[in-house]
Amino acid sequence: MICHPHAPEELSWLEIQGSGLNPRQVDCPRRGETKEVRECCGCTRFATLAIHPSGKHIYVVCEPFADRPEGGK
């Protein structure tokens, strides 16, 4: 997966869109395009799914790369 170099390296909550028979999709800010949730969950940045307290919104929790070398090594 190619990520934009200017993309922020912070935790992101990406709202899952679509309902019924429509495919569930997520707007990926790092790739600049809409992706199916299945592809998003296969990304190395995928952490978990989260449900809004109202129960009306579901999010993909997207974290910065965890395997990035520390201290510039």
N, C-alpha and C. Protein backbone atom coordinates (compact mmCIF):
# COMPACT_ATOMS: atom_id res chain seq x y z
N MET A 1 0.84 -1.17 0.00
CA MET A 1 0.00 0.00 0.00
C MET A 1 0.88 1.24 0.00
N ILE A 2 0.63 2.16 -0.88
CA ILE A 2 1.40 3.39 -0.96
C ILE A 2 0.65 4.48 -0.20
N CYS A 3 1.34 5.17 0.69
CA CYS A 3 0.73 6.24 1.46
C CYS A 3 1.35 7.56 1.04
N HIS A 4 0.57 8.62 1.11
CA HIS A 4 1.08 9.94 0.75
C HIS A 4 2.08 10.41 1.79
N PRO A 5 3.22 10.95 1.37
CA PRO A 5 4.24 11.39 2.33
C PRO A 5 3.79 12.54 3.22
N HIS A 6 2.81 13.34 2.76
CA HIS A 6 2.34 14.47 3.55
C HIS A 6 1.21 14.09 4.51
N ALA A 7 0.83 12.82 4.52
CA ALA A 7 -0.27 12.38 5.37
C ALA A 7 0.12 12.47 6.84
N PRO A 8 -0.80 12.91 7.68
CA PRO A 8 -0.49 13.00 9.11
C PRO A 8 -0.25 11.62 9.70
N GLU A 9 0.66 11.54 10.63
CA GLU A 9 1.00 10.25 11.27
C GLU A 9 0.30 10.10 12.62
N GLU A 10 -0.93 10.57 12.73
CA GLU A 10 -1.64 10.45 13.99
C GLU A 10 -2.81 9.49 13.84
N LEU A 11 -3.38 9.11 14.95
CA LEU A 11 -4.54 8.23 14.98
C LEU A 11 -5.69 8.88 14.22
N SER A 12 -6.37 8.09 13.38
CA SER A 12 -7.51 8.60 12.62
C SER A 12 -8.72 7.70 12.86
N TRP A 13 -9.88 8.32 12.91
CA TRP A 13 -11.14 7.59 13.02
C TRP A 13 -11.88 7.83 11.71
N LEU A 14 -11.98 6.79 10.89
CA LEU A 14 -12.57 6.90 9.56
C LEU A 14 -13.97 6.32 9.60
N GLU A 15 -14.98 7.13 9.31
CA GLU A 15 -16.36 6.66 9.39
C GLU A 15 -16.68 5.71 8.24
N ILE A 16 -17.30 4.59 8.56
CA ILE A 16 -17.73 3.62 7.56
C ILE A 16 -19.03 4.11 6.96
N GLN A 17 -19.08 4.15 5.64
CA GLN A 17 -20.25 4.64 4.92
C GLN A 17 -20.93 3.51 4.19
N GLY A 18 -22.22 3.67 3.91
CA GLY A 18 -22.98 2.66 3.18
C GLY A 18 -23.88 1.88 4.12
N SER A 19 -24.97 1.36 3.56
CA SER A 19 -25.89 0.57 4.36
C SER A 19 -26.69 -0.35 3.44
N GLY A 20 -27.40 -1.27 4.03
CA GLY A 20 -28.20 -2.20 3.25
C GLY A 20 -27.34 -3.04 2.33
N LEU A 21 -27.65 -3.05 1.04
CA LEU A 21 -26.92 -3.85 0.07
C LEU A 21 -25.70 -3.12 -0.50
N ASN A 22 -25.55 -1.83 -0.18
CA ASN A 22 -24.40 -1.07 -0.67
C ASN A 22 -23.13 -1.54 0.03
N PRO A 23 -22.00 -1.61 -0.70
CA PRO A 23 -20.75 -1.99 -0.04
C PRO A 23 -20.33 -0.95 0.98
N ARG A 24 -19.79 -1.39 2.07
CA ARG A 24 -19.30 -0.47 3.10
C ARG A 24 -17.99 0.13 2.62
N GLN A 25 -17.86 1.44 2.70
CA GLN A 25 -16.67 2.13 2.21
C GLN A 25 -16.14 3.12 3.23
N VAL A 26 -14.86 3.46 3.07
CA VAL A 26 -14.18 4.40 3.95
C VAL A 26 -13.38 5.35 3.08
N ASP A 27 -13.40 6.64 3.41
CA ASP A 27 -12.56 7.61 2.72
C ASP A 27 -11.19 7.60 3.39
N CYS A 28 -10.18 7.09 2.68
CA CYS A 28 -8.84 7.00 3.24
C CYS A 28 -8.08 8.30 2.99
N PRO A 29 -7.75 9.04 4.05
CA PRO A 29 -7.05 10.31 3.87
C PRO A 29 -5.60 10.12 3.43
N ARG A 30 -5.03 8.98 3.70
CA ARG A 30 -3.63 8.74 3.35
C ARG A 30 -3.46 8.36 1.89
N ARG A 31 -4.46 7.71 1.31
CA ARG A 31 -4.39 7.34 -0.11
C ARG A 31 -5.17 8.31 -0.98
N GLY A 32 -6.01 9.13 -0.36
CA GLY A 32 -6.78 10.13 -1.11
C GLY A 32 -7.89 9.54 -1.96
N GLU A 33 -8.43 8.39 -1.56
CA GLU A 33 -9.50 7.76 -2.32
C GLU A 33 -10.40 6.96 -1.40
N THR A 34 -11.55 6.54 -1.93
CA THR A 34 -12.49 5.73 -1.17
C THR A 34 -12.16 4.27 -1.37
N LYS A 35 -12.11 3.51 -0.28
CA LYS A 35 -11.78 2.09 -0.31
C LYS A 35 -12.88 1.29 0.36
N GLU A 36 -13.01 0.02 -0.04
CA GLU A 36 -13.94 -0.87 0.65
C GLU A 36 -13.37 -1.16 2.04
N VAL A 37 -14.25 -1.35 3.00
CA VAL A 37 -13.83 -1.59 4.38
C VAL A 37 -12.94 -2.83 4.47
N ARG A 38 -13.22 -3.86 3.67
CA ARG A 38 -12.39 -5.07 3.71
C ARG A 38 -10.93 -4.76 3.39
N GLU A 39 -10.70 -3.89 2.41
CA GLU A 39 -9.33 -3.51 2.05
C GLU A 39 -8.71 -2.67 3.16
N CYS A 40 -9.51 -1.80 3.76
CA CYS A 40 -9.04 -0.95 4.84
C CYS A 40 -8.62 -1.80 6.04
N CYS A 41 -9.38 -2.84 6.35
CA CYS A 41 -9.06 -3.71 7.50
C CYS A 41 -7.81 -4.54 7.25
N GLY A 42 -7.40 -4.69 6.00
CA GLY A 42 -6.19 -5.42 5.67
C GLY A 42 -4.94 -4.56 5.70
N CYS A 43 -5.12 -3.26 5.90
CA CYS A 43 -4.00 -2.32 5.94
C CYS A 43 -3.21 -2.48 7.24
N THR A 44 -1.90 -2.24 7.18
CA THR A 44 -1.08 -2.37 8.39
C THR A 44 -1.42 -1.31 9.43
N ARG A 45 -2.12 -0.26 9.04
CA ARG A 45 -2.51 0.79 9.98
C ARG A 45 -3.80 0.46 10.73
N PHE A 46 -4.53 -0.56 10.27
CA PHE A 46 -5.80 -0.92 10.90
C PHE A 46 -5.57 -1.35 12.34
N ALA A 47 -6.35 -0.78 13.27
CA ALA A 47 -6.23 -1.13 14.68
C ALA A 47 -7.47 -1.90 15.15
N THR A 48 -8.64 -1.33 14.94
CA THR A 48 -9.88 -1.95 15.41
C THR A 48 -11.06 -1.20 14.80
N LEU A 49 -12.25 -1.67 15.12
CA LEU A 49 -13.48 -0.95 14.77
C LEU A 49 -14.01 -0.31 16.04
N ALA A 50 -14.67 0.83 15.89
CA ALA A 50 -15.24 1.52 17.04
C ALA A 50 -16.67 1.94 16.71
N ILE A 51 -17.53 1.89 17.71
CA ILE A 51 -18.93 2.29 17.56
C ILE A 51 -19.16 3.55 18.37
N HIS A 52 -19.78 4.54 17.74
CA HIS A 52 -20.13 5.79 18.42
C HIS A 52 -21.11 5.47 19.55
N PRO A 53 -21.05 6.19 20.66
CA PRO A 53 -21.98 5.92 21.78
C PRO A 53 -23.46 5.97 21.38
N SER A 54 -23.80 6.74 20.36
CA SER A 54 -25.19 6.81 19.90
C SER A 54 -25.60 5.54 19.16
N GLY A 55 -24.60 4.75 18.73
CA GLY A 55 -24.88 3.54 17.98
C GLY A 55 -25.17 3.80 16.51
N LYS A 56 -25.07 5.06 16.07
CA LYS A 56 -25.42 5.42 14.70
C LYS A 56 -24.22 5.52 13.76
N HIS A 57 -23.02 5.46 14.30
CA HIS A 57 -21.83 5.58 13.46
C HIS A 57 -20.82 4.50 13.84
N ILE A 58 -20.20 3.91 12.83
CA ILE A 58 -19.15 2.92 13.05
C ILE A 58 -17.89 3.44 12.38
N TYR A 59 -16.75 3.27 13.05
CA TYR A 59 -15.49 3.80 12.55
C TYR A 59 -14.43 2.72 12.44
N VAL A 60 -13.52 2.91 11.48
CA VAL A 60 -12.30 2.13 11.40
C VAL A 60 -11.25 2.97 12.10
N VAL A 61 -10.57 2.40 13.09
CA VAL A 61 -9.52 3.12 13.80
C VAL A 61 -8.20 2.83 13.07
N CYS A 62 -7.57 3.89 12.59
CA CYS A 62 -6.39 3.80 11.75
C CYS A 62 -5.22 4.45 12.49
N GLU A 63 -4.19 3.64 12.80
CA GLU A 63 -3.05 4.13 13.58
C GLU A 63 -1.83 4.36 12.70
N PRO A 64 -0.88 5.17 13.17
CA PRO A 64 0.39 5.30 12.45
C PRO A 64 1.11 3.95 12.43
N PHE A 65 2.04 3.80 11.53
CA PHE A 65 2.79 2.54 11.44
C PHE A 65 3.47 2.24 12.77
N ALA A 66 3.26 1.04 13.29
CA ALA A 66 3.85 0.64 14.56
C ALA A 66 5.27 0.10 14.37
N ASP A 67 5.59 -0.31 13.14
CA ASP A 67 6.90 -0.92 12.89
C ASP A 67 7.94 0.09 12.39
N ARG A 68 7.65 1.38 12.55
CA ARG A 68 8.59 2.42 12.13
C ARG A 68 9.81 2.39 13.06
N PRO A 69 11.03 2.45 12.51
CA PRO A 69 12.21 2.39 13.37
C PRO A 69 12.28 3.56 14.35
N GLU A 70 12.68 3.25 15.58
CA GLU A 70 12.79 4.29 16.61
C GLU A 70 14.21 4.86 16.62
N GLY A 71 14.32 6.15 16.87
CA GLY A 71 15.62 6.78 16.98
C GLY A 71 16.39 6.84 15.66
N GLY A 72 15.66 6.70 14.54
CA GLY A 72 16.30 6.82 13.24
C GLY A 72 17.16 5.65 12.84
N LYS A 73 17.01 4.51 13.52
CA LYS A 73 17.84 3.34 13.20
C LYS A 73 17.30 2.60 12.01
